[in-house]
Amino acid sequence: MANAPTFAATRLDGQVALVTGGAGILGQLFCRALAEAGAQVAVVDLFEDAAKTAAADIGDACVGFGCDVSDPVSVQAAV
């Protein structure tokens, strides 16, 4: 992932980012870039195991959650 986007000019220290579809290819790139910029990242995906695996791969700034974004109850639980 050498070509992952970065937020070099913008620091996100103390901020929290919630990325839906976070276990997918693009989602992981966004999660990694946000974490590198200093954000705490919630990696959210329909498949909880995939979200947790992606979060573990990215690092300590990430936590994985399972969530069906088409279900308001699931979204409320994730937030």
N, C-alpha and C. Protein backbone atom coordinates (compact mmCIF):
# COMPACT_ATOMS: atom_id res chain seq x y z
N MET A 1 0.81 -1.18 0.00
CA MET A 1 0.00 0.00 0.00
C MET A 1 0.86 1.25 0.00
N ALA A 2 1.92 1.22 -0.74
CA ALA A 2 2.85 2.34 -0.79
C ALA A 2 2.21 3.60 -1.35
N ASN A 3 1.17 3.47 -2.16
CA ASN A 3 0.54 4.62 -2.78
C ASN A 3 -0.71 5.06 -2.03
N ALA A 4 -0.84 4.68 -0.78
CA ALA A 4 -2.02 5.05 0.01
C ALA A 4 -2.06 6.57 0.18
N PRO A 5 -3.27 7.15 0.16
CA PRO A 5 -3.38 8.58 0.37
C PRO A 5 -2.92 8.96 1.76
N THR A 6 -2.37 10.16 1.88
CA THR A 6 -1.94 10.64 3.19
C THR A 6 -2.54 12.02 3.44
N PHE A 7 -2.58 12.40 4.68
CA PHE A 7 -3.07 13.71 5.08
C PHE A 7 -1.92 14.48 5.70
N ALA A 8 -0.83 14.62 4.96
CA ALA A 8 0.40 15.21 5.50
C ALA A 8 0.17 16.61 6.06
N ALA A 9 -0.66 17.40 5.42
CA ALA A 9 -0.87 18.78 5.85
C ALA A 9 -1.92 18.89 6.95
N THR A 10 -2.67 17.83 7.18
CA THR A 10 -3.76 17.87 8.15
C THR A 10 -3.54 16.82 9.22
N ARG A 11 -3.40 17.26 10.44
CA ARG A 11 -3.29 16.32 11.55
C ARG A 11 -4.68 16.12 12.16
N LEU A 12 -4.97 14.91 12.53
CA LEU A 12 -6.28 14.58 13.08
C LEU A 12 -6.17 14.06 14.52
N ASP A 13 -5.10 14.45 15.20
CA ASP A 13 -4.91 14.03 16.58
C ASP A 13 -6.13 14.41 17.42
N GLY A 14 -6.59 13.47 18.23
CA GLY A 14 -7.73 13.72 19.10
C GLY A 14 -9.08 13.58 18.42
N GLN A 15 -9.08 13.27 17.14
CA GLN A 15 -10.33 13.11 16.39
C GLN A 15 -10.65 11.63 16.22
N VAL A 16 -11.92 11.33 16.00
CA VAL A 16 -12.37 9.96 15.75
C VAL A 16 -13.00 9.91 14.37
N ALA A 17 -12.61 8.91 13.59
CA ALA A 17 -13.19 8.70 12.26
C ALA A 17 -13.88 7.35 12.24
N LEU A 18 -15.08 7.30 11.69
CA LEU A 18 -15.81 6.06 11.52
C LEU A 18 -15.91 5.81 10.03
N VAL A 19 -15.32 4.71 9.56
CA VAL A 19 -15.27 4.41 8.13
C VAL A 19 -16.14 3.19 7.86
N THR A 20 -17.24 3.39 7.12
CA THR A 20 -18.08 2.26 6.74
C THR A 20 -17.47 1.59 5.53
N GLY A 21 -17.62 0.28 5.45
CA GLY A 21 -16.95 -0.47 4.39
C GLY A 21 -15.45 -0.52 4.65
N GLY A 22 -15.08 -0.38 5.91
CA GLY A 22 -13.68 -0.27 6.29
C GLY A 22 -12.82 -1.49 6.04
N ALA A 23 -13.43 -2.65 5.85
CA ALA A 23 -12.65 -3.87 5.60
C ALA A 23 -12.38 -4.09 4.12
N GLY A 24 -13.01 -3.29 3.26
CA GLY A 24 -12.79 -3.41 1.83
C GLY A 24 -11.46 -2.79 1.43
N ILE A 25 -11.11 -2.93 0.17
CA ILE A 25 -9.82 -2.43 -0.31
C ILE A 25 -9.70 -0.92 -0.10
N LEU A 26 -10.66 -0.16 -0.59
CA LEU A 26 -10.60 1.30 -0.43
C LEU A 26 -10.79 1.70 1.02
N GLY A 27 -11.69 1.03 1.71
CA GLY A 27 -11.92 1.33 3.11
C GLY A 27 -10.66 1.20 3.94
N GLN A 28 -9.89 0.14 3.70
CA GLN A 28 -8.64 -0.05 4.43
C GLN A 28 -7.65 1.06 4.13
N LEU A 29 -7.60 1.50 2.88
CA LEU A 29 -6.71 2.61 2.53
C LEU A 29 -7.09 3.88 3.28
N PHE A 30 -8.40 4.17 3.32
CA PHE A 30 -8.85 5.36 4.04
C PHE A 30 -8.55 5.23 5.54
N CYS A 31 -8.82 4.06 6.10
CA CYS A 31 -8.56 3.84 7.53
C CYS A 31 -7.09 4.03 7.85
N ARG A 32 -6.23 3.47 7.03
CA ARG A 32 -4.79 3.58 7.27
C ARG A 32 -4.35 5.06 7.19
N ALA A 33 -4.83 5.78 6.18
CA ALA A 33 -4.44 7.18 6.02
C ALA A 33 -4.94 8.02 7.20
N LEU A 34 -6.15 7.78 7.65
CA LEU A 34 -6.69 8.51 8.79
C LEU A 34 -5.90 8.21 10.06
N ALA A 35 -5.55 6.93 10.26
CA ALA A 35 -4.75 6.55 11.43
C ALA A 35 -3.37 7.19 11.38
N GLU A 36 -2.76 7.21 10.20
CA GLU A 36 -1.44 7.83 10.06
C GLU A 36 -1.49 9.33 10.32
N ALA A 37 -2.67 9.94 10.09
CA ALA A 37 -2.83 11.37 10.36
C ALA A 37 -3.15 11.64 11.82
N GLY A 38 -3.26 10.57 12.62
CA GLY A 38 -3.45 10.74 14.06
C GLY A 38 -4.83 10.45 14.60
N ALA A 39 -5.78 10.12 13.73
CA ALA A 39 -7.14 9.84 14.19
C ALA A 39 -7.24 8.46 14.82
N GLN A 40 -8.17 8.32 15.74
CA GLN A 40 -8.60 7.01 16.21
C GLN A 40 -9.66 6.57 15.21
N VAL A 41 -9.55 5.36 14.69
CA VAL A 41 -10.41 4.94 13.58
C VAL A 41 -11.28 3.75 13.97
N ALA A 42 -12.57 3.89 13.72
CA ALA A 42 -13.51 2.78 13.86
C ALA A 42 -13.69 2.17 12.48
N VAL A 43 -13.18 0.97 12.30
CA VAL A 43 -13.31 0.24 11.04
C VAL A 43 -14.63 -0.51 11.10
N VAL A 44 -15.61 -0.08 10.31
CA VAL A 44 -16.95 -0.65 10.37
C VAL A 44 -17.23 -1.38 9.07
N ASP A 45 -17.73 -2.60 9.19
CA ASP A 45 -18.04 -3.40 8.01
C ASP A 45 -19.18 -4.35 8.36
N LEU A 46 -19.90 -4.79 7.35
CA LEU A 46 -20.98 -5.75 7.54
C LEU A 46 -20.45 -7.03 8.18
N PHE A 47 -19.22 -7.38 7.83
CA PHE A 47 -18.60 -8.61 8.32
C PHE A 47 -17.66 -8.26 9.47
N GLU A 48 -18.10 -8.52 10.69
CA GLU A 48 -17.35 -8.12 11.88
C GLU A 48 -15.94 -8.70 11.92
N ASP A 49 -15.80 -9.98 11.56
CA ASP A 49 -14.46 -10.59 11.58
C ASP A 49 -13.51 -9.86 10.64
N ALA A 50 -14.00 -9.48 9.46
CA ALA A 50 -13.17 -8.76 8.49
C ALA A 50 -12.80 -7.38 9.03
N ALA A 51 -13.74 -6.72 9.69
CA ALA A 51 -13.47 -5.40 10.26
C ALA A 51 -12.41 -5.49 11.35
N LYS A 52 -12.51 -6.50 12.20
CA LYS A 52 -11.53 -6.66 13.28
C LYS A 52 -10.16 -7.03 12.74
N THR A 53 -10.12 -7.86 11.70
CA THR A 53 -8.85 -8.23 11.08
C THR A 53 -8.19 -7.01 10.45
N ALA A 54 -8.98 -6.22 9.70
CA ALA A 54 -8.45 -5.01 9.07
C ALA A 54 -7.92 -4.04 10.13
N ALA A 55 -8.67 -3.86 11.21
CA ALA A 55 -8.24 -2.96 12.27
C ALA A 55 -6.93 -3.43 12.90
N ALA A 56 -6.81 -4.72 13.13
CA ALA A 56 -5.58 -5.26 13.71
C ALA A 56 -4.40 -5.09 12.77
N ASP A 57 -4.64 -5.24 11.47
CA ASP A 57 -3.57 -5.07 10.48
C ASP A 57 -3.10 -3.62 10.40
N ILE A 58 -4.01 -2.69 10.59
CA ILE A 58 -3.67 -1.27 10.47
C ILE A 58 -2.91 -0.79 11.70
N GLY A 59 -3.35 -1.20 12.87
CA GLY A 59 -2.60 -0.82 14.07
C GLY A 59 -3.46 -0.44 15.25
N ASP A 60 -2.78 0.00 16.31
CA ASP A 60 -3.43 0.27 17.59
C ASP A 60 -4.45 1.41 17.53
N ALA A 61 -4.38 2.26 16.53
CA ALA A 61 -5.31 3.39 16.43
C ALA A 61 -6.67 2.96 15.91
N CYS A 62 -6.82 1.68 15.55
CA CYS A 62 -8.06 1.21 14.93
C CYS A 62 -8.75 0.15 15.77
N VAL A 63 -10.08 0.18 15.71
CA VAL A 63 -10.92 -0.84 16.34
C VAL A 63 -11.96 -1.25 15.31
N GLY A 64 -12.19 -2.57 15.17
CA GLY A 64 -13.14 -3.07 14.19
C GLY A 64 -14.49 -3.39 14.80
N PHE A 65 -15.55 -3.06 14.06
CA PHE A 65 -16.93 -3.32 14.48
C PHE A 65 -17.72 -3.89 13.31
N GLY A 66 -18.63 -4.78 13.62
CA GLY A 66 -19.59 -5.23 12.62
C GLY A 66 -20.81 -4.33 12.66
N CYS A 67 -21.33 -3.96 11.49
CA CYS A 67 -22.49 -3.08 11.44
C CYS A 67 -23.16 -3.21 10.08
N ASP A 68 -24.48 -3.34 10.09
CA ASP A 68 -25.27 -3.31 8.87
C ASP A 68 -25.81 -1.89 8.74
N VAL A 69 -25.22 -1.08 7.85
CA VAL A 69 -25.60 0.33 7.76
C VAL A 69 -27.01 0.55 7.22
N SER A 70 -27.65 -0.52 6.73
CA SER A 70 -29.04 -0.39 6.29
C SER A 70 -30.01 -0.60 7.46
N ASP A 71 -29.49 -0.91 8.64
CA ASP A 71 -30.31 -1.16 9.83
C ASP A 71 -30.03 -0.09 10.88
N PRO A 72 -30.99 0.81 11.13
CA PRO A 72 -30.76 1.90 12.08
C PRO A 72 -30.34 1.43 13.48
N VAL A 73 -30.85 0.31 13.93
CA VAL A 73 -30.48 -0.20 15.25
C VAL A 73 -29.00 -0.60 15.26
N SER A 74 -28.55 -1.24 14.18
CA SER A 74 -27.15 -1.64 14.07
C SER A 74 -26.24 -0.41 14.02
N VAL A 75 -26.66 0.61 13.30
CA VAL A 75 -25.87 1.85 13.20
C VAL A 75 -25.78 2.52 14.57
N GLN A 76 -26.88 2.61 15.27
CA GLN A 76 -26.88 3.24 16.59
C GLN A 76 -25.96 2.49 17.54
N ALA A 77 -25.96 1.17 17.46
CA ALA A 77 -25.09 0.37 18.33
C ALA A 77 -23.62 0.62 18.00
N ALA A 78 -23.29 0.82 16.73
CA ALA A 78 -21.90 1.05 16.32
C ALA A 78 -21.41 2.42 16.75
N VAL A 79 -22.30 3.39 16.73
CA VAL A 79 -21.92 4.76 17.07
C VAL A 79 -21.85 4.89 18.57
